[in-house]
Amino acid sequence: MRNIFALIVAFFIAGTVSAQISIGISLNLNTQPAWGPTGYDYVENYYLPDIDVYYNVTTHRYYYYDKKGWRYSVNLPSRYRNYDIYNSYKVVVNEKNPWKNHKSYKEKYSSYKGRHDQQPIRDSRDSKYYANKYHPEHNNWVKQQKHDNGNRDGMKKGSDNRNKKNGKNKK
């Protein structure tokens, strides 16, 4: 009996963990920046090898090095004002505080400097990105969701069920 109970508890816990991971992944897809590369359902950070900068998806901050150490900002530093972030290469780094291992990432991804072969989310026609508020199709997607949810029961807007009820009550 104890073995059966332990097995049931184990399945319940596994199902809960799986659901939490699934929810976290789908939410992250919708918060990635429009300049992020397609093909990733979950991203913690991007590393931009052209300029040795990291971007944290959760905090929406850029992490960069200056003479005094690692700094962060919601905008790229002014020295990168002409940097084309949509056409640059981004490396997905799913690690907390990757700038602490910058030497390793710089060496590992130095060959990606100057590459321009990633499609940004903004240019994707894959509907899974439409829920991302930064995607150009987002507003159309929202309108469609409202339309679909408004007509969920198959009835047209403005109609009601009173005639059906009255019809049943009349004999």
C-alpha atoms as a PDB file:
ATOM      1  CA  MET A   1       0.000   0.000   0.000  1.00  0.00           C
ATOM      2  CA  ARG A   2       2.835   2.398   0.854  1.00  0.00           C
ATOM      3  CA  ASN A   3       4.470   1.701  -2.504  1.00  0.00           C
ATOM      4  CA  ILE A   4       1.291   2.578  -4.373  1.00  0.00           C
ATOM      5  CA  PHE A   5       0.886   5.790  -2.363  1.00  0.00           C
ATOM      6  CA  ALA A   6       4.542   6.740  -3.014  1.00  0.00           C
ATOM      7  CA  LEU A   7       4.064   6.070  -6.735  1.00  0.00           C
ATOM      8  CA  ILE A   8       0.947   8.269  -6.878  1.00  0.00           C
ATOM      9  CA  VAL A   9       2.736  11.097  -5.060  1.00  0.00           C
ATOM     10  CA  ALA A  10       5.740  10.801  -7.418  1.00  0.00           C
ATOM     11  CA  PHE A  11       3.500  11.055 -10.501  1.00  0.00           C
ATOM     12  CA  PHE A  12       1.697  14.063  -9.030  1.00  0.00           C
ATOM     13  CA  ILE A  13       4.959  15.883  -8.278  1.00  0.00           C
ATOM     14  CA  ALA A  14       6.389  15.071 -11.723  1.00  0.00           C
ATOM     15  CA  GLY A  15       3.231  16.402 -13.387  1.00  0.00           C
ATOM     16  CA  THR A  16       3.359  19.621 -11.361  1.00  0.00           C
ATOM     17  CA  VAL A  17       7.018  20.238 -12.201  1.00  0.00           C
ATOM     18  CA  SER A  18       6.383  19.539 -15.883  1.00  0.00           C
ATOM     19  CA  ALA A  19       3.461  22.000 -15.928  1.00  0.00           C
ATOM     20  CA  GLN A  20       5.556  24.704 -14.266  1.00  0.00           C
ATOM     21  CA  ILE A  21       8.351  24.276 -16.804  1.00  0.00           C
ATOM     22  CA  SER A  22       5.888  24.369 -19.685  1.00  0.00           C
ATOM     23  CA  ILE A  23       4.249  27.577 -18.431  1.00  0.00           C
ATOM     24  CA  GLY A  24       7.614  29.268 -17.889  1.00  0.00           C
ATOM     25  CA  ILE A  25       8.773  28.437 -21.383  1.00  0.00           C
ATOM     26  CA  SER A  26       5.650  29.717 -23.104  1.00  0.00           C
ATOM     27  CA  LEU A  27       5.715  32.955 -21.128  1.00  0.00           C
ATOM     28  CA  ASN A  28       9.366  33.570 -21.976  1.00  0.00           C
ATOM     29  CA  LEU A  29       8.711  33.233 -25.697  1.00  0.00           C
ATOM     30  CA  ASN A  30       6.370  36.213 -25.472  1.00  0.00           C
ATOM     31  CA  THR A  31       8.843  38.455 -23.654  1.00  0.00           C
ATOM     32  CA  GLN A  32      11.861  38.011 -25.906  1.00  0.00           C
ATOM     33  CA  PRO A  33      12.776  41.204 -27.777  1.00  0.00           C
ATOM     34  CA  ALA A  34      11.745  41.523 -31.429  1.00  0.00           C
ATOM     35  CA  TRP A  35      15.440  41.634 -32.380  1.00  0.00           C
ATOM     36  CA  GLY A  36      16.042  38.234 -30.729  1.00  0.00           C
ATOM     37  CA  PRO A  37      16.657  35.292 -33.060  1.00  0.00           C
ATOM     38  CA  THR A  38      13.872  32.889 -33.956  1.00  0.00           C
ATOM     39  CA  GLY A  39      13.935  29.277 -32.889  1.00  0.00           C
ATOM     40  CA  TYR A  40      14.225  29.609 -29.109  1.00  0.00           C
ATOM     41  CA  ASP A  41      11.260  29.005 -26.817  1.00  0.00           C
ATOM     42  CA  TYR A  42      13.230  29.960 -23.731  1.00  0.00           C
ATOM     43  CA  VAL A  43      16.064  32.464 -23.356  1.00  0.00           C
ATOM     44  CA  GLU A  44      17.691  33.874 -20.218  1.00  0.00           C
ATOM     45  CA  ASN A  45      20.370  36.008 -21.899  1.00  0.00           C
ATOM     46  CA  TYR A  46      21.755  36.922 -25.285  1.00  0.00           C
ATOM     47  CA  TYR A  47      25.441  37.487 -25.859  1.00  0.00           C
ATOM     48  CA  LEU A  48      26.270  39.958 -28.633  1.00  0.00           C
ATOM     49  CA  PRO A  49      29.797  38.984 -29.747  1.00  0.00           C
ATOM     50  CA  ASP A  50      30.225  42.010 -32.051  1.00  0.00           C
ATOM     51  CA  ILE A  51      30.186  44.379 -29.084  1.00  0.00           C
ATOM     52  CA  ASP A  52      30.785  42.044 -26.099  1.00  0.00           C
ATOM     53  CA  VAL A  53      27.446  42.914 -24.500  1.00  0.00           C
ATOM     54  CA  TYR A  54      24.841  40.710 -22.809  1.00  0.00           C
ATOM     55  CA  TYR A  55      21.092  41.253 -22.701  1.00  0.00           C
ATOM     56  CA  ASN A  56      18.964  39.756 -19.933  1.00  0.00           C
ATOM     57  CA  VAL A  57      15.452  38.932 -21.176  1.00  0.00           C
ATOM     58  CA  THR A  58      13.795  38.969 -17.740  1.00  0.00           C
ATOM     59  CA  THR A  59      15.139  42.341 -16.571  1.00  0.00           C
ATOM     60  CA  HIS A  60      15.343  43.919 -20.053  1.00  0.00           C
ATOM     61  CA  ARG A  61      18.847  45.124 -19.276  1.00  0.00           C
ATOM     62  CA  TYR A  62      22.077  45.266 -21.235  1.00  0.00           C
ATOM     63  CA  TYR A  63      25.236  44.294 -19.366  1.00  0.00           C
ATOM     64  CA  TYR A  64      28.469  45.814 -20.665  1.00  0.00           C
ATOM     65  CA  TYR A  65      31.983  46.396 -19.439  1.00  0.00           C
ATOM     66  CA  ASP A  66      33.530  49.808 -18.923  1.00  0.00           C
ATOM     67  CA  LYS A  67      36.706  50.940 -17.173  1.00  0.00           C
ATOM     68  CA  LYS A  68      35.157  50.448 -13.731  1.00  0.00           C
ATOM     69  CA  GLY A  69      33.639  46.989 -14.284  1.00  0.00           C
ATOM     70  CA  TRP A  70      30.363  45.476 -15.467  1.00  0.00           C
ATOM     71  CA  ARG A  71      27.441  47.898 -15.684  1.00  0.00           C
ATOM     72  CA  TYR A  72      23.845  47.546 -16.773  1.00  0.00           C
ATOM     73  CA  SER A  73      21.297  49.759 -18.478  1.00  0.00           C
ATOM     74  CA  VAL A  74      17.922  49.436 -20.198  1.00  0.00           C
ATOM     75  CA  ASN A  75      19.592  50.928 -23.285  1.00  0.00           C
ATOM     76  CA  LEU A  76      22.797  50.147 -25.070  1.00  0.00           C
ATOM     77  CA  PRO A  77      25.620  52.548 -24.163  1.00  0.00           C
ATOM     78  CA  SER A  78      25.857  55.582 -26.439  1.00  0.00           C
ATOM     79  CA  ARG A  79      29.066  54.255 -28.010  1.00  0.00           C
ATOM     80  CA  TYR A  80      26.866  51.624 -29.714  1.00  0.00           C
ATOM     81  CA  ARG A  81      24.177  54.007 -30.972  1.00  0.00           C
ATOM     82  CA  ASN A  82      24.858  53.002 -34.612  1.00  0.00           C
ATOM     83  CA  TYR A  83      24.901  49.290 -33.849  1.00  0.00           C
ATOM     84  CA  ASP A  84      22.310  47.352 -35.870  1.00  0.00           C
ATOM     85  CA  ILE A  85      20.966  44.943 -33.259  1.00  0.00           C
ATOM     86  CA  TYR A  86      18.424  43.373 -35.653  1.00  0.00           C
ATOM     87  CA  ASN A  87      21.100  42.224 -38.087  1.00  0.00           C
ATOM     88  CA  SER A  88      23.773  41.207 -35.601  1.00  0.00           C
ATOM     89  CA  TYR A  89      24.411  37.707 -34.339  1.00  0.00           C
ATOM     90  CA  LYS A  90      22.996  36.768 -30.917  1.00  0.00           C
ATOM     91  CA  VAL A  91      24.136  33.784 -28.899  1.00  0.00           C
ATOM     92  CA  VAL A  92      21.571  32.345 -26.485  1.00  0.00           C
ATOM     93  CA  VAL A  93      23.143  31.867 -23.047  1.00  0.00           C
ATOM     94  CA  ASN A  94      20.869  30.179 -20.527  1.00  0.00           C
ATOM     95  CA  GLU A  95      23.000  30.886 -17.513  1.00  0.00           C
ATOM     96  CA  LYS A  96      22.538  33.291 -14.652  1.00  0.00           C
ATOM     97  CA  ASN A  97      24.965  36.250 -14.865  1.00  0.00           C
ATOM     98  CA  PRO A  98      26.970  35.041 -17.889  1.00  0.00           C
ATOM     99  CA  TRP A  99      29.109  38.207 -17.841  1.00  0.00           C
ATOM    100  CA  LYS A 100      30.864  36.684 -14.839  1.00  0.00           C
ATOM    101  CA  ASN A 101      32.279  34.106 -17.274  1.00  0.00           C
ATOM    102  CA  HIS A 102      32.895  36.640 -20.032  1.00  0.00           C
ATOM    103  CA  LYS A 103      36.392  35.477 -20.910  1.00  0.00           C
ATOM    104  CA  SER A 104      35.049  32.008 -21.699  1.00  0.00           C
ATOM    105  CA  TYR A 105      32.129  33.304 -23.817  1.00  0.00           C
ATOM    106  CA  LYS A 106      34.342  35.778 -25.662  1.00  0.00           C
ATOM    107  CA  GLU A 107      36.741  32.993 -26.660  1.00  0.00           C
ATOM    108  CA  LYS A 108      34.020  30.480 -27.465  1.00  0.00           C
ATOM    109  CA  TYR A 109      31.950  32.805 -29.674  1.00  0.00           C
ATOM    110  CA  SER A 110      34.571  35.107 -31.228  1.00  0.00           C
ATOM    111  CA  SER A 111      34.018  33.408 -34.606  1.00  0.00           C
ATOM    112  CA  TYR A 112      30.424  34.713 -34.621  1.00  0.00           C
ATOM    113  CA  LYS A 113      31.557  38.344 -34.917  1.00  0.00           C
ATOM    114  CA  GLY A 114      30.326  39.893 -38.136  1.00  0.00           C
ATOM    115  CA  ARG A 115      27.770  37.169 -38.873  1.00  0.00           C
ATOM    116  CA  HIS A 116      24.368  38.306 -40.092  1.00  0.00           C
ATOM    117  CA  ASP A 117      22.547  35.065 -40.763  1.00  0.00           C
ATOM    118  CA  GLN A 118      19.881  34.963 -38.051  1.00  0.00           C
ATOM    119  CA  GLN A 119      16.250  35.823 -38.611  1.00  0.00           C
ATOM    120  CA  PRO A 120      14.922  38.173 -35.917  1.00  0.00           C
ATOM    121  CA  ILE A 121      11.556  37.487 -34.297  1.00  0.00           C
ATOM    122  CA  ARG A 122      10.245  40.693 -35.858  1.00  0.00           C
ATOM    123  CA  ASP A 123      10.640  39.232 -39.363  1.00  0.00           C
ATOM    124  CA  SER A 124       9.225  35.784 -38.602  1.00  0.00           C
ATOM    125  CA  ARG A 125       5.894  34.697 -40.075  1.00  0.00           C
ATOM    126  CA  ASP A 126       5.603  31.849 -37.568  1.00  0.00           C
ATOM    127  CA  SER A 127       2.379  32.507 -35.666  1.00  0.00           C
ATOM    128  CA  LYS A 128       3.905  31.311 -32.369  1.00  0.00           C
ATOM    129  CA  TYR A 129       5.666  34.706 -32.223  1.00  0.00           C
ATOM    130  CA  TYR A 130       2.504  36.781 -32.748  1.00  0.00           C
ATOM    131  CA  ALA A 131       1.705  36.744 -29.037  1.00  0.00           C
ATOM    132  CA  ASN A 132       5.000  38.606 -28.504  1.00  0.00           C
ATOM    133  CA  LYS A 133       3.971  42.231 -28.004  1.00  0.00           C
ATOM    134  CA  TYR A 134       6.996  43.380 -29.998  1.00  0.00           C
ATOM    135  CA  HIS A 135       6.071  41.437 -33.138  1.00  0.00           C
ATOM    136  CA  PRO A 136       4.513  43.490 -35.992  1.00  0.00           C
ATOM    137  CA  GLU A 137       1.581  41.044 -36.204  1.00  0.00           C
ATOM    138  CA  HIS A 138       0.835  41.257 -32.475  1.00  0.00           C
ATOM    139  CA  ASN A 139      -2.098  43.692 -32.750  1.00  0.00           C
ATOM    140  CA  ASN A 140      -3.733  41.571 -35.452  1.00  0.00           C
ATOM    141  CA  TRP A 141      -3.210  38.501 -33.280  1.00  0.00           C
ATOM    142  CA  VAL A 142      -4.839  40.251 -30.283  1.00  0.00           C
ATOM    143  CA  LYS A 143      -7.842  41.258 -32.418  1.00  0.00           C
ATOM    144  CA  GLN A 144      -8.201  37.672 -33.631  1.00  0.00           C
ATOM    145  CA  GLN A 145      -7.982  36.335 -30.058  1.00  0.00           C
ATOM    146  CA  LYS A 146     -10.700  38.758 -28.931  1.00  0.00           C
ATOM    147  CA  HIS A 147     -12.826  37.786 -31.895  1.00  0.00           C
ATOM    148  CA  ASP A 148     -12.336  34.059 -31.258  1.00  0.00           C
ATOM    149  CA  ASN A 149     -12.990  34.383 -27.513  1.00  0.00           C
ATOM    150  CA  GLY A 150     -16.047  36.566 -28.086  1.00  0.00           C
ATOM    151  CA  ASN A 151     -17.572  33.928 -30.339  1.00  0.00           C
ATOM    152  CA  ARG A 152     -16.485  30.940 -28.308  1.00  0.00           C
ATOM    153  CA  ASP A 153     -20.000  29.518 -28.006  1.00  0.00           C
ATOM    154  CA  GLY A 154     -20.615  29.901 -31.730  1.00  0.00           C
ATOM    155  CA  MET A 155     -23.153  32.691 -31.363  1.00  0.00           C
ATOM    156  CA  LYS A 156     -22.901  35.998 -33.133  1.00  0.00           C
ATOM    157  CA  LYS A 157     -22.385  39.141 -31.148  1.00  0.00           C
ATOM    158  CA  GLY A 158     -25.645  40.684 -29.999  1.00  0.00           C
ATOM    159  CA  SER A 159     -27.718  37.511 -30.099  1.00  0.00           C
ATOM    160  CA  ASP A 160     -29.156  35.993 -26.962  1.00  0.00           C
ATOM    161  CA  ASN A 161     -30.822  32.834 -25.769  1.00  0.00           C
ATOM    162  CA  ARG A 162     -34.123  34.368 -24.615  1.00  0.00           C
ATOM    163  CA  ASN A 163     -36.074  33.094 -27.622  1.00  0.00           C
ATOM    164  CA  LYS A 164     -34.873  29.544 -26.985  1.00  0.00           C
ATOM    165  CA  LYS A 165     -35.958  29.747 -23.344  1.00  0.00           C
ATOM    166  CA  ASN A 166     -39.282  31.370 -24.218  1.00  0.00           C
ATOM    167  CA  GLY A 167     -39.890  28.776 -26.901  1.00  0.00           C
ATOM    168  CA  LYS A 168     -39.514  25.977 -24.385  1.00  0.00           C
ATOM    169  CA  ASN A 169     -41.788  27.649 -21.858  1.00  0.00           C
ATOM    170  CA  LYS A 170     -44.586  28.255 -24.401  1.00  0.00           C
ATOM    171  CA  LYS A 171     -46.885  25.314 -25.020  1.00  0.00           C
END
